């Protein structure tokens, strides 16, 4: 079930986003995944290796960020933490 913008803002805030970055992070998560923490895009058009696609609210791309290429990215807070680390 998709998270509301308010729920996304809560996990993004706990990850470290503040101010304009927080508002942008919520907008990005809504655009990338529709707020669905279970969203997965295998990136077949990009010839991505099996299992290396984009996961979770912020669609963290496993091939580009192998340290986040795991099922934890379907957890909203873990995904927000990864998104913040990539943002920083």
Protein backbone atom coordinates (compact mmCIF):
# COMPACT_ATOMS: atom_id res chain seq x y z
CA UNK A 1 0.00 0.00 0.00
CA UNK A 2 1.40 3.44 -0.93
CA UNK A 3 2.51 5.80 1.80
CA UNK A 4 0.96 9.25 2.09
CA UNK A 5 3.10 12.35 1.48
CA UNK A 6 3.06 12.91 5.25
CA UNK A 7 4.37 9.40 5.94
CA UNK A 8 7.09 9.83 3.32
CA UNK A 9 8.05 13.15 4.90
CA UNK A 10 8.40 11.45 8.29
CA UNK A 11 10.85 8.81 7.06
CA UNK A 12 12.73 11.40 4.99
CA UNK A 13 13.02 13.68 8.03
CA UNK A 14 14.32 10.82 10.18
CA UNK A 15 16.90 10.11 7.46
CA UNK A 16 18.18 13.70 7.63
CA UNK A 17 16.32 15.70 4.99
CA UNK A 18 15.36 19.22 6.07
CA UNK A 19 13.76 22.33 4.58
CA UNK A 20 13.61 22.51 0.79
CA UNK A 21 15.51 19.22 0.54
CA UNK A 22 12.74 17.54 2.55
CA UNK A 23 10.05 18.89 0.26
CA UNK A 24 12.03 17.82 -2.79
CA UNK A 25 12.67 14.36 -1.34
CA UNK A 26 8.93 13.81 -0.84
CA UNK A 27 8.21 14.96 -4.39
CA UNK A 28 10.91 12.67 -5.78
CA UNK A 29 9.63 9.63 -3.87
CA UNK A 30 6.09 10.29 -5.08
CA UNK A 31 7.26 10.62 -8.68
CA UNK A 32 9.69 7.69 -8.59
CA UNK A 33 7.52 5.11 -6.83
CA UNK A 34 4.07 6.64 -6.37
CA UNK A 35 4.74 6.26 -2.66
CA UNK A 36 4.92 2.47 -2.95
CA UNK A 37 7.75 1.13 -0.76
CA UNK A 38 7.59 -2.22 -2.63
CA UNK A 39 8.17 -0.60 -6.05
CA UNK A 40 10.77 -2.38 -8.17
CA UNK A 41 11.95 -1.50 -11.66
CA UNK A 42 14.23 -4.14 -13.22
CA UNK A 43 15.61 -1.54 -15.67
CA UNK A 44 15.48 -4.06 -18.53
CA UNK A 45 15.85 -1.33 -21.15
CA UNK A 46 19.22 -0.39 -19.65
CA UNK A 47 20.49 -3.99 -19.82
CA UNK A 48 20.74 -4.04 -16.03
CA UNK A 49 21.96 -7.33 -14.57
CA UNK A 50 19.27 -9.48 -12.97
CA UNK A 51 18.43 -8.15 -9.52
CA UNK A 52 20.27 -4.87 -10.07
CA UNK A 53 17.24 -2.68 -10.70
CA UNK A 54 15.75 0.20 -8.72
CA UNK A 55 14.04 -0.44 -5.38
CA UNK A 56 11.71 1.27 -2.97
CA UNK A 57 10.35 4.76 -2.45
CA UNK A 58 13.32 6.61 -3.96
CA UNK A 59 14.11 3.88 -6.51
CA UNK A 60 17.68 3.32 -5.34
CA UNK A 61 19.48 1.81 -8.34
CA UNK A 62 21.27 -1.33 -7.19
CA UNK A 63 23.72 -1.43 -10.08
CA UNK A 64 24.94 2.11 -9.40
CA UNK A 65 24.83 1.68 -5.62
CA UNK A 66 25.72 -1.96 -4.92
CA UNK A 67 25.95 -1.28 -1.19
CA UNK A 68 22.16 -0.81 -1.31
CA UNK A 69 21.39 -3.67 -3.70
CA UNK A 70 19.31 -5.71 -1.26
CA UNK A 71 15.82 -6.33 0.06
CA UNK A 72 16.31 -3.76 2.86
CA UNK A 73 15.59 -1.11 0.21
CA UNK A 74 11.93 -2.10 0.39
CA UNK A 75 11.84 -0.85 4.00
CA UNK A 76 10.79 2.83 3.87
CA UNK A 77 13.27 4.00 6.50
CA UNK A 78 16.19 2.05 5.06
CA UNK A 79 15.37 3.42 1.61
CA UNK A 80 15.14 6.97 2.98
CA UNK A 81 18.51 6.53 4.70
CA UNK A 82 20.04 5.37 1.42
CA UNK A 83 18.43 8.24 -0.49
CA UNK A 84 19.86 10.70 2.00
CA UNK A 85 23.33 9.14 1.75
CA UNK A 86 23.19 9.34 -2.05
CA UNK A 87 21.91 12.94 -1.84
CA UNK A 88 24.76 13.98 0.46
